[in-house]
Protein backbone atom coordinates (compact mmCIF):
# COMPACT_ATOMS: atom_id res chain seq x y z
CA MET A 1 -0.02 -0.06 -0.02
CA ASN A 2 1.12 3.45 -0.75
CA TYR A 3 0.97 6.39 1.78
CA PHE A 4 1.21 10.18 1.02
CA ALA A 5 1.27 13.46 2.79
CA GLY A 6 0.18 16.84 1.60
CA VAL A 7 -0.89 20.38 2.71
CA SER A 8 -4.11 22.27 2.37
CA VAL A 9 -4.37 26.08 1.90
CA PRO A 10 -6.57 28.53 -0.09
CA VAL A 11 -4.93 30.09 -2.97
CA PHE A 12 -6.23 33.50 -1.67
CA SER A 13 -4.32 32.76 1.56
CA LEU A 14 -0.74 32.58 0.05
CA ARG A 15 1.49 35.55 0.79
CA SER A 16 4.51 36.14 -1.44
CA ASP A 17 6.67 39.14 -2.27
CA ASP A 18 5.33 38.82 -6.03
CA SER A 19 1.51 39.04 -5.39
CA PHE A 20 -0.90 41.91 -4.98
CA GLY A 21 -2.70 41.67 -1.55
CA ILE A 22 -3.93 38.16 -2.28
CA GLY A 23 -2.47 34.82 -3.24
CA GLU A 24 -2.34 34.00 -7.10
CA PHE A 25 -1.94 31.15 -9.22
CA ASN A 26 1.58 31.98 -9.67
CA ASP A 27 2.48 31.73 -5.86
CA LEU A 28 1.53 27.87 -6.17
CA LYS A 29 5.01 27.42 -7.79
CA LYS A 30 6.65 28.50 -4.55
CA LEU A 31 4.49 26.41 -2.56
CA ALA A 32 5.47 23.54 -4.78
CA ASP A 33 9.15 24.25 -4.13
CA TRP A 34 8.31 24.28 -0.44
CA CYS A 35 6.34 20.92 -0.66
CA VAL A 36 9.71 19.46 -2.20
CA MET A 37 11.85 20.67 0.66
CA SER A 38 9.05 19.31 3.04
CA GLY A 39 8.56 15.90 1.68
CA LEU A 40 5.01 16.60 0.70
CA LYS A 41 3.40 15.37 -2.44
CA LEU A 42 0.04 17.16 -2.88
CA ILE A 43 -1.57 20.68 -2.46
CA GLN A 44 -5.19 20.96 -1.65
CA ILE A 45 -6.91 24.26 -2.49
CA LEU A 46 -10.58 25.82 -2.09
CA PRO A 47 -12.45 26.51 -5.17
CA VAL A 48 -11.01 29.05 -7.66
CA ASN A 49 -14.12 29.49 -9.84
CA ASP A 50 -15.22 33.10 -10.56
CA THR A 51 -17.68 34.32 -7.92
CA THR A 52 -17.75 38.01 -9.13
CA THR A 53 -21.02 39.82 -8.71
CA ASP A 54 -20.22 43.24 -7.51
CA GLY A 55 -16.62 43.01 -6.29
CA GLY A 56 -17.62 43.31 -2.63
CA TRP A 57 -17.09 41.18 0.40
CA ASN A 58 -19.81 38.65 -0.64
CA ASP A 59 -17.66 37.67 -3.53
CA SER A 60 -14.97 36.38 -1.17
CA TYR A 61 -16.98 33.49 -0.52
CA PRO A 62 -15.29 30.89 -2.71
CA TYR A 63 -18.26 28.44 -2.89
CA LYS A 64 -20.36 30.93 -4.60
CA SER A 65 -19.69 29.81 -8.02
CA MET A 66 -21.03 32.32 -10.89
CA SER A 67 -19.83 29.72 -13.36
CA THR A 68 -18.46 26.35 -12.83
CA LYS A 69 -16.31 26.52 -15.85
CA THR A 70 -14.51 29.91 -15.28
CA LEU A 71 -11.51 30.99 -13.12
CA HIS A 72 -11.44 33.86 -10.66
CA PRO A 73 -9.49 36.78 -12.35
CA ILE A 74 -8.61 37.99 -8.84
CA TYR A 75 -5.83 35.29 -8.89
CA LEU A 76 -4.05 36.88 -11.79
CA ASN A 77 -0.43 38.11 -11.60
CA LEU A 78 -0.78 41.43 -13.14
CA GLU A 79 2.86 41.83 -14.53
CA LYS A 80 2.44 38.38 -16.11
CA VAL A 81 -0.58 39.70 -18.01
CA GLY A 82 1.30 42.88 -19.27
CA ILE A 83 3.52 45.76 -18.02
CA LEU A 84 2.10 49.41 -18.17
CA LYS A 85 3.79 51.82 -20.37
CA ASP A 86 3.10 55.03 -18.40
CA GLU A 87 5.78 55.25 -15.75
CA ASN A 88 3.69 57.16 -13.31
CA GLU A 89 1.08 54.60 -13.54
CA ARG A 90 3.51 51.84 -12.94
CA LEU A 91 4.64 53.70 -9.84
CA ARG A 92 1.04 54.17 -8.48
CA PHE A 93 0.22 50.51 -8.96
CA ASN A 94 3.40 49.64 -7.26
CA GLU A 95 2.63 51.61 -4.23
CA LYS A 96 -0.78 49.97 -4.29
CA LYS A 97 0.89 46.62 -4.24
CA LYS A 98 2.95 47.70 -1.23
CA GLU A 99 0.06 48.88 0.68
CA LEU A 100 -2.17 45.65 -0.06
CA ASN A 101 0.57 43.26 0.38
CA ALA A 102 1.52 44.86 3.92
CA LYS A 103 -2.04 44.25 5.22
CA GLU A 104 -2.47 41.16 7.59
CA PHE A 105 -5.61 40.01 5.75
CA VAL A 106 -7.13 39.97 2.32
CA ASP A 107 -8.88 43.25 1.58
CA TYR A 108 -10.89 41.55 -0.93
CA PRO A 109 -12.70 44.75 -2.38
CA ALA A 110 -9.56 46.82 -2.54
CA VAL A 111 -7.60 44.15 -4.30
CA PHE A 112 -10.37 43.47 -6.66
CA LYS A 113 -10.91 47.10 -7.39
CA ALA A 114 -7.24 47.66 -8.10
CA LYS A 115 -6.64 44.64 -10.14
CA MET A 116 -9.58 45.05 -12.49
CA GLU A 117 -8.29 48.60 -13.07
CA TYR A 118 -4.85 47.47 -14.07
CA LEU A 119 -6.13 44.61 -16.19
CA LYS A 120 -8.73 46.88 -18.06
CA LYS A 121 -5.75 49.22 -19.03
CA ILE A 122 -3.86 46.13 -20.31
CA PHE A 123 -6.88 45.02 -22.26
CA ASP A 124 -7.48 48.49 -23.64
CA ARG A 125 -4.17 48.56 -25.58
CA GLN A 126 -4.33 44.97 -27.05
CA ASP A 127 -6.15 43.82 -30.19
CA ASP A 128 -6.44 39.97 -29.74
CA PHE A 129 -9.62 40.15 -27.63
CA LYS A 130 -12.93 42.15 -28.26
CA ASP A 131 -14.44 40.96 -24.94
CA PHE A 132 -12.78 41.64 -21.60
CA TYR A 133 -14.16 38.88 -19.93
CA ASP A 134 -12.56 36.42 -22.56
CA PHE A 135 -9.34 38.25 -22.19
CA LEU A 136 -9.44 37.54 -18.49
CA GLN A 137 -10.19 33.97 -18.93
CA TYR A 138 -7.41 33.46 -21.36
CA HIS A 139 -4.91 34.71 -19.03
CA CYS A 140 -6.51 32.76 -15.98
CA ASP A 141 -6.29 29.55 -18.00
CA LYS A 142 -2.79 30.37 -19.23
CA GLN A 143 -1.30 31.14 -15.76
CA PHE A 144 -3.24 28.37 -13.76
CA THR A 145 -2.02 25.81 -16.48
CA GLU A 146 1.47 27.16 -16.10
CA ALA A 147 1.32 26.62 -12.48
CA VAL A 148 -0.08 23.08 -12.67
CA ASP A 149 2.50 22.21 -15.09
CA TYR A 150 5.13 23.33 -12.76
CA LEU A 151 3.76 21.28 -9.92
CA HIS A 152 3.74 18.14 -12.08
CA SER A 153 7.43 18.90 -12.98
CA LYS A 154 8.10 18.82 -9.27
CA GLY A 155 6.09 15.69 -8.61
CA ILE A 156 3.31 17.49 -6.71
CA MET A 157 -0.40 16.79 -7.16
CA LEU A 158 -3.08 19.36 -7.12
CA LYS A 159 -6.36 18.71 -5.42
CA GLY A 160 -9.27 20.75 -6.07
CA ASP A 161 -12.74 21.31 -4.31
CA LEU A 162 -16.08 20.86 -5.89
CA PRO A 163 -18.87 22.99 -4.42
CA ILE A 164 -22.19 21.28 -3.80
CA GLY A 165 -24.01 24.37 -5.10
CA VAL A 166 -23.95 27.20 -7.59
CA ASN A 167 -25.22 30.64 -7.37
CA ARG A 168 -28.69 31.07 -8.37
CA ASP A 169 -27.53 34.11 -10.60
CA SER A 170 -24.79 31.87 -12.26
CA ASN A 171 -24.50 31.28 -15.93
CA ASP A 172 -25.28 27.63 -15.14
CA VAL A 173 -28.68 28.48 -13.69
CA LYS A 174 -29.48 31.04 -16.40
CA GLN A 175 -28.47 28.54 -19.31
CA ASN A 176 -30.09 25.50 -17.71
CA PRO A 177 -32.90 26.85 -15.24
CA GLN A 178 -34.85 23.37 -15.86
CA LEU A 179 -32.01 21.73 -13.97
CA PHE A 180 -32.61 23.72 -10.63
CA ASN A 181 -35.47 24.14 -8.09
CA LEU A 182 -35.52 27.78 -7.95
CA ASP A 183 -37.97 27.75 -5.20
CA MET A 184 -35.72 25.99 -2.74
CA GLU A 185 -32.46 26.64 -1.21
CA THR A 186 -29.54 24.40 -0.17
CA GLY A 187 -28.27 23.98 3.24
CA ALA A 188 -27.54 22.04 6.31
CA PRO A 189 -29.54 21.17 9.27
CA PRO A 190 -28.89 22.31 12.97
CA ASP A 191 -25.58 20.75 14.05
CA ALA A 192 -22.47 21.38 16.08
CA PHE A 193 -21.34 23.93 13.47
CA ALA A 194 -24.57 26.05 13.53
CA ALA A 195 -27.48 25.84 15.97
CA GLU A 196 -30.02 27.06 13.47
CA GLY A 197 -28.41 25.32 10.62
CA GLN A 198 -26.79 26.88 7.42
CA ASN A 199 -28.63 28.29 4.40
CA TRP A 200 -26.15 28.54 1.75
CA GLY A 201 -28.49 30.22 -0.58
CA PHE A 202 -28.14 27.92 -3.69
CA PRO A 203 -31.05 26.42 -5.63
CA THR A 204 -31.22 22.80 -5.12
CA TYR A 205 -30.89 20.44 -8.16
CA ASN A 206 -33.67 18.92 -10.20
CA TRP A 207 -31.98 15.39 -10.14
CA ASP A 208 -34.91 13.87 -12.25
CA GLU A 209 -34.37 16.44 -15.09
CA MET A 210 -30.59 16.04 -14.73
CA ALA A 211 -31.04 12.19 -15.36
CA LYS A 212 -32.85 12.56 -18.54
CA ASP A 213 -29.52 13.22 -20.34
CA ASP A 214 -27.48 10.91 -18.00
CA PHE A 215 -26.16 13.88 -15.92
CA ALA A 216 -24.58 15.77 -18.97
CA TRP A 217 -24.36 18.90 -17.07
CA TRP A 218 -22.40 17.21 -14.21
CA ARG A 219 -20.23 15.37 -16.32
CA SER A 220 -19.20 18.10 -18.39
CA ARG A 221 -18.41 20.03 -15.31
CA VAL A 222 -16.12 17.16 -14.08
CA LYS A 223 -14.36 17.21 -17.51
CA TRP A 224 -13.55 20.74 -17.13
CA ILE A 225 -11.90 20.22 -13.60
CA GLU A 226 -9.89 17.54 -15.05
CA ARG A 227 -7.90 20.15 -17.06
CA TYR A 228 -6.43 21.27 -13.90
CA PHE A 229 -6.50 19.01 -11.18
CA ASP A 230 -5.36 15.29 -10.24
CA ALA A 231 -7.68 14.96 -7.04
CA LEU A 232 -11.01 16.44 -6.19
CA ARG A 233 -12.62 16.96 -2.80
CA ILE A 234 -16.47 16.71 -3.32
CA ASP A 235 -17.95 19.44 -0.94
CA HIS A 236 -20.85 17.95 1.18
CA ILE A 237 -21.01 14.51 -0.58
CA LEU A 238 -24.23 13.77 1.40
CA GLY A 239 -25.96 16.06 -0.88
CA PHE A 240 -25.70 13.52 -3.53
CA PHE A 241 -27.62 11.23 -1.44
CA ARG A 242 -30.18 13.55 0.11
CA ILE A 243 -29.90 17.28 0.51
CA TRP A 244 -31.30 19.73 3.29
CA GLU A 245 -33.91 21.69 1.19
CA ILE A 246 -35.05 25.03 2.54
CA PRO A 247 -38.12 26.74 1.04
CA LYS A 248 -36.92 30.07 -0.37
CA GLY A 249 -37.58 32.85 2.14
CA SER A 250 -37.68 30.94 5.23
CA PRO A 251 -36.40 32.70 8.44
CA ASN A 252 -33.45 30.20 8.83
CA ALA A 253 -32.29 26.70 7.76
CA SER A 254 -34.04 24.84 10.62
CA PHE A 255 -37.38 25.15 8.51
CA GLY A 256 -35.94 22.72 5.91
CA HIS A 257 -36.26 19.10 5.29
CA TYR A 258 -34.36 16.45 3.77
CA SER A 259 -34.97 15.67 -0.10
CA PRO A 260 -35.95 12.94 -0.88
CA THR A 261 -37.67 12.30 2.26
CA ASP A 262 -37.67 8.37 2.05
CA PRO A 263 -34.27 7.19 3.48
CA ILE A 264 -34.61 3.94 1.29
CA ARG A 265 -34.23 6.05 -1.83
CA TRP A 266 -30.87 7.64 -0.50
CA GLU A 267 -28.58 4.88 -1.19
CA ILE A 268 -30.08 4.23 -4.47
CA GLU A 269 -29.97 7.82 -5.63
CA GLY A 270 -26.58 8.31 -4.17
CA ARG A 271 -25.13 5.43 -5.94
CA ASN A 272 -26.49 6.05 -9.28
CA ARG A 273 -25.67 9.77 -9.21
CA LEU A 274 -21.92 9.29 -8.11
CA SER A 275 -21.29 6.47 -10.38
CA ARG A 276 -22.79 8.06 -13.47
CA ILE A 277 -20.96 11.39 -12.93
CA PHE A 278 -17.56 10.31 -11.47
CA GLY A 279 -17.27 6.77 -12.73
CA ASN A 280 -15.14 7.46 -15.56
CA SER A 281 -13.08 10.35 -14.28
CA LYS A 282 -9.38 10.04 -14.07
CA LEU A 283 -9.45 12.15 -10.82
CA LEU A 284 -8.80 10.55 -7.28
CA ILE A 285 -12.14 11.40 -5.86
CA CYS A 286 -12.57 12.10 -2.03
CA GLY A 287 -15.61 12.88 -0.29
CA GLU A 288 -16.41 15.29 2.67
CA ASP A 289 -18.50 13.17 4.57
CA LEU A 290 -18.70 14.91 7.95
CA GLY A 291 -21.69 15.63 10.02
CA MET A 292 -24.92 13.75 10.06
CA VAL A 293 -24.13 11.03 7.58
CA ALA A 294 -26.80 8.65 6.50
CA PRO A 295 -25.95 4.86 7.32
CA CYS A 296 -25.83 4.11 3.49
CA VAL A 297 -23.22 6.54 2.81
CA PRO A 298 -20.05 4.92 3.81
CA GLY A 299 -20.68 1.65 2.14
CA VAL A 300 -21.35 3.42 -1.27
CA MET A 301 -18.31 5.51 -1.03
CA ARG A 302 -16.19 2.43 -0.37
CA GLU A 303 -17.90 0.51 -3.14
CA LEU A 304 -17.06 3.21 -5.64
CA GLY A 305 -13.58 3.84 -4.28
CA ILE A 306 -14.27 7.37 -3.06
CA LEU A 307 -12.06 8.23 -0.09
CA SER A 308 -13.60 9.28 3.03
CA LEU A 309 -12.54 12.43 5.34
CA GLU A 310 -11.26 11.49 8.77
CA VAL A 311 -10.81 14.15 11.53
CA GLN A 312 -9.38 13.02 14.88
CA ARG A 313 -11.57 15.54 16.84
CA MET A 314 -14.74 14.79 14.96
CA PRO A 315 -14.92 11.10 14.91
CA LYS A 316 -17.52 9.05 12.98
CA SER A 317 -18.37 7.21 16.15
CA SER A 318 -20.49 9.26 18.67
CA SER A 319 -19.19 6.95 21.46
CA ARG A 320 -15.91 8.56 21.74
CA PRO A 321 -14.54 12.11 21.76
CA PHE A 322 -11.51 11.42 19.46
CA SER A 323 -10.57 9.03 16.70
CA ASP A 324 -7.35 7.15 16.72
CA PRO A 325 -5.66 7.83 13.27
CA ARG A 326 -4.29 4.27 13.29
CA GLU A 327 -7.68 2.96 12.89
CA ASN A 328 -8.73 4.99 9.80
CA PRO A 329 -9.63 3.09 6.84
CA TYR A 330 -6.95 2.98 4.25
CA LEU A 331 -9.21 4.77 1.47
CA SER A 332 -9.44 7.95 3.39
CA VAL A 333 -7.87 11.47 3.90
CA ASP A 334 -6.72 12.12 7.34
CA THR A 335 -6.44 15.66 8.44
CA THR A 336 -6.24 17.73 11.65
CA GLY A 337 -9.05 19.96 10.53
CA THR A 338 -10.87 21.64 7.68
CA HIS A 339 -11.48 25.15 6.73
CA ASP A 340 -14.70 25.22 8.69
CA MET A 341 -12.87 24.69 11.95
CA PRO A 342 -10.49 26.24 14.32
CA THR A 343 -6.93 25.35 13.89
CA ILE A 344 -5.24 22.83 16.14
CA ARG A 345 -4.25 25.76 18.50
CA GLY A 346 -7.69 27.33 18.20
CA TRP A 347 -9.34 24.15 18.97
CA TRP A 348 -6.79 23.48 22.06
CA GLU A 349 -7.94 26.91 23.68
CA GLU A 350 -11.62 26.47 22.79
CA ASP A 351 -12.50 24.09 25.29
CA ARG A 352 -9.99 23.51 28.18
CA GLU A 353 -11.48 20.20 29.61
CA LEU A 354 -11.55 18.53 26.34
CA SER A 355 -7.99 19.60 25.28
CA ALA A 356 -6.70 18.47 28.63
CA ARG A 357 -8.65 14.87 28.23
CA PHE A 358 -6.75 14.91 24.57
CA TYR A 359 -3.49 15.63 26.27
CA HIS A 360 -3.85 12.58 28.58
CA GLU A 361 -5.88 9.93 26.44
CA MET A 362 -4.21 10.47 23.17
CA LEU A 363 -0.91 12.08 23.76
CA HIS A 364 -0.23 9.98 26.99
CA HIS A 365 1.03 12.65 29.39
CA ASP A 366 0.68 12.40 32.84
CA ASP A 367 1.34 16.07 33.91
CA GLY A 368 -1.13 19.01 33.69
CA ALA A 369 -2.18 20.05 30.16
CA PRO A 370 -0.76 23.40 29.19
CA TYR A 371 -3.11 26.12 28.70
CA PHE A 372 -1.82 26.99 25.13
CA CYS A 373 -1.04 24.43 22.55
CA GLU A 374 2.76 24.61 22.62
CA PRO A 375 4.85 23.83 19.64
CA TYR A 376 5.67 20.44 21.13
CA ILE A 377 2.11 19.38 21.35
CA CYS A 378 1.55 20.52 17.85
CA LYS A 379 4.34 18.51 16.63
CA GLU A 380 3.11 15.36 18.55
CA ILE A 381 -0.28 15.67 17.16
CA ILE A 382 1.00 15.96 13.56
CA GLY A 383 3.32 13.06 14.19
CA GLN A 384 0.27 11.14 15.38
CA HIS A 385 -1.52 11.70 12.10
CA MET A 386 1.73 10.89 10.00
CA HIS A 387 1.24 7.37 11.76
CA SER A 388 -2.25 7.40 10.37
CA ALA A 389 -3.65 4.34 8.40
CA SER A 390 -5.11 6.62 5.77
CA GLN A 391 -3.73 6.70 2.22
CA TRP A 392 -3.22 10.50 2.58
CA VAL A 393 -2.59 12.78 5.38
CA ILE A 394 -3.32 16.35 4.45
CA ILE A 395 -2.54 18.98 6.97
CA PRO A 396 -3.59 22.76 6.98
CA ILE A 397 -0.62 24.88 6.43
CA GLN A 398 -1.42 26.80 9.68
CA ASP A 399 -1.00 23.75 11.84
CA TYR A 400 2.39 22.65 9.99
CA ILE A 401 3.63 26.24 10.93
CA ALA A 402 2.26 26.02 14.63
CA MET A 403 5.29 23.58 15.27
CA ASP A 404 7.58 26.41 15.04
CA GLY A 405 7.01 28.72 18.13
CA ASP A 406 9.34 31.53 16.79
CA PHE A 407 7.59 31.43 13.33
CA ARG A 408 4.08 30.95 14.14
CA TRP A 409 1.40 33.93 14.26
CA ASP A 410 0.42 34.92 17.87
CA CYS A 411 -3.04 35.71 16.64
CA THR A 412 -4.20 32.24 17.08
CA TRP A 413 -8.16 32.87 16.31
CA GLU A 414 -7.39 34.91 13.30
CA GLU A 415 -6.08 31.77 11.38
CA GLN A 416 -9.57 30.02 11.29
CA ILE A 417 -10.57 30.44 7.33
CA ASN A 418 -14.42 29.96 7.74
CA LYS A 419 -16.95 30.51 10.66
CA PRO A 420 -20.13 28.61 9.32
CA ALA A 421 -22.26 29.91 11.99
CA ASP A 422 -21.60 33.49 10.71
CA PRO A 423 -23.55 34.09 7.45
CA ASN A 424 -21.81 37.38 7.15
CA HIS A 425 -18.28 35.96 7.39
CA ARG A 426 -15.56 37.42 5.30
CA TRP A 427 -13.16 34.93 3.67
CA ARG A 428 -10.04 36.98 4.20
CA TYR A 429 -7.50 34.86 6.04
CA ARG A 430 -3.83 35.25 4.76
CA MET A 431 -0.70 33.56 5.90
CA HIS A 432 1.00 35.72 8.42
CA GLN A 433 4.39 34.42 6.91
CA SER A 434 5.60 34.78 3.27
CA LEU A 435 6.33 31.93 0.99
CA GLU A 436 9.87 33.28 0.75
CA GLN A 437 10.19 32.97 4.67
CA LEU A 438 8.69 29.72 4.61
CA LEU A 439 11.22 28.39 2.12
CA GLY A 440 13.92 29.79 4.17
CA ASN A 441 12.87 28.10 7.62
CA GLU A 442 15.26 25.13 7.24
CA ARG A 443 14.20 23.94 10.94
CA LEU A 444 10.66 23.83 10.37
CA ASN A 445 11.02 22.21 6.77
CA THR A 446 13.22 19.48 8.06
CA THR A 447 10.88 18.90 10.97
CA ILE A 448 7.98 18.33 8.62
CA LYS A 449 10.07 16.28 6.02
CA GLU A 450 11.01 13.94 8.88
CA LEU A 451 7.34 13.73 10.00
CA SER A 452 6.09 13.03 6.51
CA ALA A 453 8.65 10.51 5.89
CA ARG A 454 7.01 8.23 8.58
CA HIS A 455 3.69 8.32 6.72
CA LEU A 456 5.55 7.40 3.41
CA LYS A 457 6.84 4.33 5.24
CA ASN A 458 3.61 3.57 7.21
CA VAL A 459 2.66 0.03 7.45
CA PRO A 460 -0.12 0.08 10.07
CA SER A 461 -0.45 -2.96 12.10
CA SER A 462 -4.09 -3.10 11.22
CA HIS A 463 -3.05 -4.03 7.81
């Protein structure tokens, strides 16, 4: 059996000397160089589809796809598109770049406004494209493909993220309204993440209509994804079995219901949809199967060879507070947390009683648990994951960096990427450390390489 380790980080969170207040496709190259130094084989990112409506904070939500087959121009490196001829203009944008790059977080509206102004100036002086959006998409494809080719040249895989929904104002809905239930909205029932549930605002799918042409819309979507990615995380894979459907205009998500309502249909529908849509794909398929999972889901995923997601502090069994990574199924992705959760350090400080129990029961210490998640604890936790029985161990970059007390950021709670309970959350997390600094941190990189080597050589006793 083969075992691999990787890193997860949104593109928008990358910080480099070359970028413009936000991570860019071009920054993936330096991240790939770091992966080589650290013994990692995969980079996992959040969706990079275009989410643009008005350039405001709502557009920072990466799961709000306005088109399932376009890339977000905010990730373009400006100078690779073109150089401004006017010296005063160049100086002005260089100052803007310094200003935005110096900010601790992504100032999404300011970055978008500045980038679009620059790109429009380059567009206005060229003759190859008549449409500005076509011009942007050409360069998005060119820069992203160049980055992906660089990753592959270094032996690094790229894992994408397939949002369960699309924006109701998207091109997909406008062109195929019959494929969507526009009087309904997608979400999740009340759970540990959100007491009133979650309403994502997307229309639900008209699966019966989609089945008439053998899910052609879905299969075309997957084909487009294969242009860039080697692996794919299916966001909320449970939605292929049954979705939490909320009548449009409801006060909150607790007014929803599961569709279909008959549990017997869940397994039949889920197996049929997933096998028809992803069955012939060359992608390594992984499913985000956390939360209230229908009993039929794990079996169907195993049958179809879809990797499950295993999070130690969110065990699949309700009879225990933590799972043991060594007991994970081989066909799974093991991680310390997702973008919807606090980092290791945030979780440690969130519930002192729970973290103390973890300190004693899982890390096997007999002294008092420290208040803060010290670097040695972060290292022990990640080391435990690197002994996982999972085929893949993919750790958020914040948790890797947390092992270095001199390098990590003091603002623990600012490192959480998303807060699902907050419908007005701004997706603005940006690494405190630059990729250049990360590449230069030999001590941390050696530590990660030594830890990841454990997983590469892993032969768990259960197998």
